[in-house]
N, C-alpha and C. Protein backbone atom coordinates (compact mmCIF):
# COMPACT_ATOMS: atom_id res chain seq x y z
N UNK A 1 -35.01 -50.46 -13.15
CA UNK A 1 -35.87 -49.43 -13.69
C UNK A 1 -35.05 -48.29 -14.28
N UNK A 2 -33.87 -48.09 -13.76
CA UNK A 2 -33.03 -47.01 -14.28
C UNK A 2 -32.73 -47.21 -15.76
N UNK A 3 -32.46 -48.44 -16.16
CA UNK A 3 -32.16 -48.71 -17.57
C UNK A 3 -33.36 -48.40 -18.45
N UNK A 4 -34.57 -48.72 -17.98
CA UNK A 4 -35.76 -48.43 -18.76
C UNK A 4 -35.95 -46.92 -18.89
N UNK A 5 -35.77 -46.20 -17.80
CA UNK A 5 -35.89 -44.74 -17.83
C UNK A 5 -34.89 -44.13 -18.81
N UNK A 6 -33.69 -44.66 -18.81
CA UNK A 6 -32.67 -44.18 -19.75
C UNK A 6 -33.07 -44.50 -21.19
N UNK A 7 -33.60 -45.70 -21.40
CA UNK A 7 -34.04 -46.09 -22.73
C UNK A 7 -35.13 -45.16 -23.24
N UNK A 8 -36.12 -44.88 -22.39
CA UNK A 8 -37.21 -43.98 -22.78
C UNK A 8 -36.68 -42.59 -23.08
N UNK A 9 -35.81 -42.11 -22.22
CA UNK A 9 -35.24 -40.77 -22.44
C UNK A 9 -34.47 -40.70 -23.76
N UNK A 10 -33.73 -41.73 -24.06
CA UNK A 10 -32.92 -41.75 -25.28
C UNK A 10 -33.76 -41.94 -26.54
N UNK A 11 -34.95 -42.55 -26.40
CA UNK A 11 -35.77 -42.89 -27.56
C UNK A 11 -37.15 -42.25 -27.52
N UNK A 12 -37.28 -41.19 -26.76
CA UNK A 12 -38.60 -40.57 -26.54
C UNK A 12 -39.32 -40.24 -27.84
N UNK A 13 -38.65 -39.62 -28.78
CA UNK A 13 -39.31 -39.23 -30.03
C UNK A 13 -39.76 -40.45 -30.82
N UNK A 14 -38.94 -41.46 -30.92
CA UNK A 14 -39.30 -42.68 -31.64
C UNK A 14 -40.51 -43.35 -30.99
N UNK A 15 -40.48 -43.45 -29.66
CA UNK A 15 -41.59 -44.08 -28.94
C UNK A 15 -42.88 -43.28 -29.10
N UNK A 16 -42.79 -41.96 -29.00
CA UNK A 16 -43.96 -41.11 -29.14
C UNK A 16 -44.52 -41.21 -30.56
N UNK A 17 -43.66 -41.15 -31.56
CA UNK A 17 -44.11 -41.24 -32.95
C UNK A 17 -44.79 -42.58 -33.22
N UNK A 18 -44.24 -43.65 -32.69
CA UNK A 18 -44.83 -44.98 -32.86
C UNK A 18 -46.21 -45.04 -32.21
N UNK A 19 -46.31 -44.55 -30.98
CA UNK A 19 -47.60 -44.55 -30.28
C UNK A 19 -48.61 -43.69 -31.02
N UNK A 20 -48.21 -42.54 -31.47
CA UNK A 20 -49.12 -41.64 -32.17
C UNK A 20 -49.61 -42.26 -33.49
N UNK A 21 -48.72 -42.94 -34.18
CA UNK A 21 -49.06 -43.58 -35.45
C UNK A 21 -50.11 -44.68 -35.24
N UNK A 22 -50.10 -45.30 -34.08
CA UNK A 22 -51.01 -46.41 -33.79
C UNK A 22 -52.21 -45.98 -32.95
N UNK A 23 -52.45 -44.69 -32.83
CA UNK A 23 -53.57 -44.19 -32.04
C UNK A 23 -54.66 -43.69 -32.97
N UNK A 24 -55.87 -44.23 -32.78
CA UNK A 24 -57.02 -43.75 -33.54
C UNK A 24 -57.60 -42.55 -32.80
N UNK A 25 -58.05 -41.57 -33.56
CA UNK A 25 -58.63 -40.36 -32.97
C UNK A 25 -60.00 -40.07 -33.58
N UNK A 26 -60.87 -39.49 -32.77
CA UNK A 26 -62.19 -39.11 -33.28
C UNK A 26 -62.11 -37.72 -33.89
N UNK A 27 -63.25 -37.17 -34.30
CA UNK A 27 -63.26 -35.87 -34.97
C UNK A 27 -62.82 -34.73 -34.06
N UNK A 28 -62.88 -34.94 -32.75
CA UNK A 28 -62.40 -33.93 -31.80
C UNK A 28 -60.91 -34.06 -31.49
N UNK A 29 -60.29 -35.10 -32.02
CA UNK A 29 -58.88 -35.33 -31.77
C UNK A 29 -58.60 -36.16 -30.53
N UNK A 30 -59.67 -36.68 -29.89
CA UNK A 30 -59.51 -37.52 -28.69
C UNK A 30 -59.10 -38.93 -29.09
N UNK A 31 -58.20 -39.53 -28.32
CA UNK A 31 -57.81 -40.92 -28.57
C UNK A 31 -59.00 -41.81 -28.22
N UNK A 32 -59.31 -42.76 -29.11
CA UNK A 32 -60.46 -43.64 -28.93
C UNK A 32 -60.09 -45.07 -29.30
N UNK A 33 -60.90 -46.01 -28.82
CA UNK A 33 -60.79 -47.41 -29.22
C UNK A 33 -61.99 -47.67 -30.13
N UNK A 34 -61.73 -48.09 -31.34
CA UNK A 34 -62.82 -48.33 -32.28
C UNK A 34 -63.56 -49.60 -31.91
N UNK A 35 -64.84 -49.67 -32.34
CA UNK A 35 -65.65 -50.83 -31.99
C UNK A 35 -65.18 -52.11 -32.67
N UNK A 36 -64.34 -52.02 -33.71
CA UNK A 36 -63.82 -53.23 -34.36
C UNK A 36 -62.47 -53.65 -33.80
N UNK A 37 -61.98 -52.95 -32.78
CA UNK A 37 -60.73 -53.32 -32.13
C UNK A 37 -60.97 -54.54 -31.24
N UNK A 38 -60.12 -55.57 -31.32
CA UNK A 38 -60.32 -56.77 -30.50
C UNK A 38 -60.40 -56.46 -29.00
N UNK A 39 -59.74 -55.43 -28.54
CA UNK A 39 -59.80 -55.08 -27.12
C UNK A 39 -61.19 -54.66 -26.70
N UNK A 40 -61.96 -54.17 -27.65
CA UNK A 40 -63.32 -53.70 -27.35
C UNK A 40 -64.16 -54.82 -26.75
N UNK A 41 -63.88 -56.05 -27.15
CA UNK A 41 -64.70 -57.18 -26.71
C UNK A 41 -64.11 -57.95 -25.53
N UNK A 42 -63.00 -57.51 -24.99
CA UNK A 42 -62.43 -58.20 -23.83
C UNK A 42 -63.26 -57.90 -22.61
N UNK A 43 -63.66 -58.94 -21.91
CA UNK A 43 -64.49 -58.73 -20.73
C UNK A 43 -63.71 -58.85 -19.42
N UNK A 44 -62.43 -59.16 -19.51
CA UNK A 44 -61.65 -59.31 -18.27
C UNK A 44 -61.60 -58.00 -17.49
N UNK A 45 -61.64 -56.86 -18.20
CA UNK A 45 -61.60 -55.58 -17.51
C UNK A 45 -62.89 -55.34 -16.74
N UNK A 46 -63.99 -55.85 -17.27
CA UNK A 46 -65.26 -55.74 -16.55
C UNK A 46 -65.18 -56.48 -15.23
N UNK A 47 -64.55 -57.64 -15.24
CA UNK A 47 -64.41 -58.42 -14.01
C UNK A 47 -63.51 -57.70 -13.00
N UNK A 48 -62.43 -57.10 -13.47
CA UNK A 48 -61.56 -56.34 -12.56
C UNK A 48 -62.31 -55.16 -11.95
N UNK A 49 -63.09 -54.47 -12.78
CA UNK A 49 -63.87 -53.33 -12.31
C UNK A 49 -64.88 -53.76 -11.24
N UNK A 50 -65.56 -54.85 -11.48
CA UNK A 50 -66.53 -55.37 -10.50
C UNK A 50 -65.83 -55.73 -9.20
N UNK A 51 -64.67 -56.35 -9.30
CA UNK A 51 -63.93 -56.74 -8.10
C UNK A 51 -63.46 -55.50 -7.33
N UNK A 52 -62.98 -54.48 -8.02
CA UNK A 52 -62.56 -53.26 -7.33
C UNK A 52 -63.73 -52.59 -6.63
N UNK A 53 -64.87 -52.56 -7.29
CA UNK A 53 -66.05 -51.98 -6.66
C UNK A 53 -66.48 -52.80 -5.45
N UNK A 54 -66.39 -54.12 -5.54
CA UNK A 54 -66.76 -54.97 -4.42
C UNK A 54 -65.84 -54.72 -3.22
N UNK A 55 -64.56 -54.56 -3.49
CA UNK A 55 -63.58 -54.32 -2.42
C UNK A 55 -63.74 -52.93 -1.80
N UNK A 56 -64.21 -51.97 -2.60
CA UNK A 56 -64.34 -50.60 -2.10
C UNK A 56 -65.52 -50.44 -1.15
N UNK A 57 -66.46 -51.36 -1.19
CA UNK A 57 -67.65 -51.24 -0.33
C UNK A 57 -67.40 -51.64 1.07
């Protein structure tokens, strides 16, 4: 993990700029996922959420 931390520290601006360039924002400037993004239709997260709720009860 130390190597990864060093990599991030050394490349922080490049990584941040890349992430910012690939982030969609709404009119308020909030990061959002658009409805045409393929991730929008993934249902695996719904299953994880249901499982976490089941375990929490």
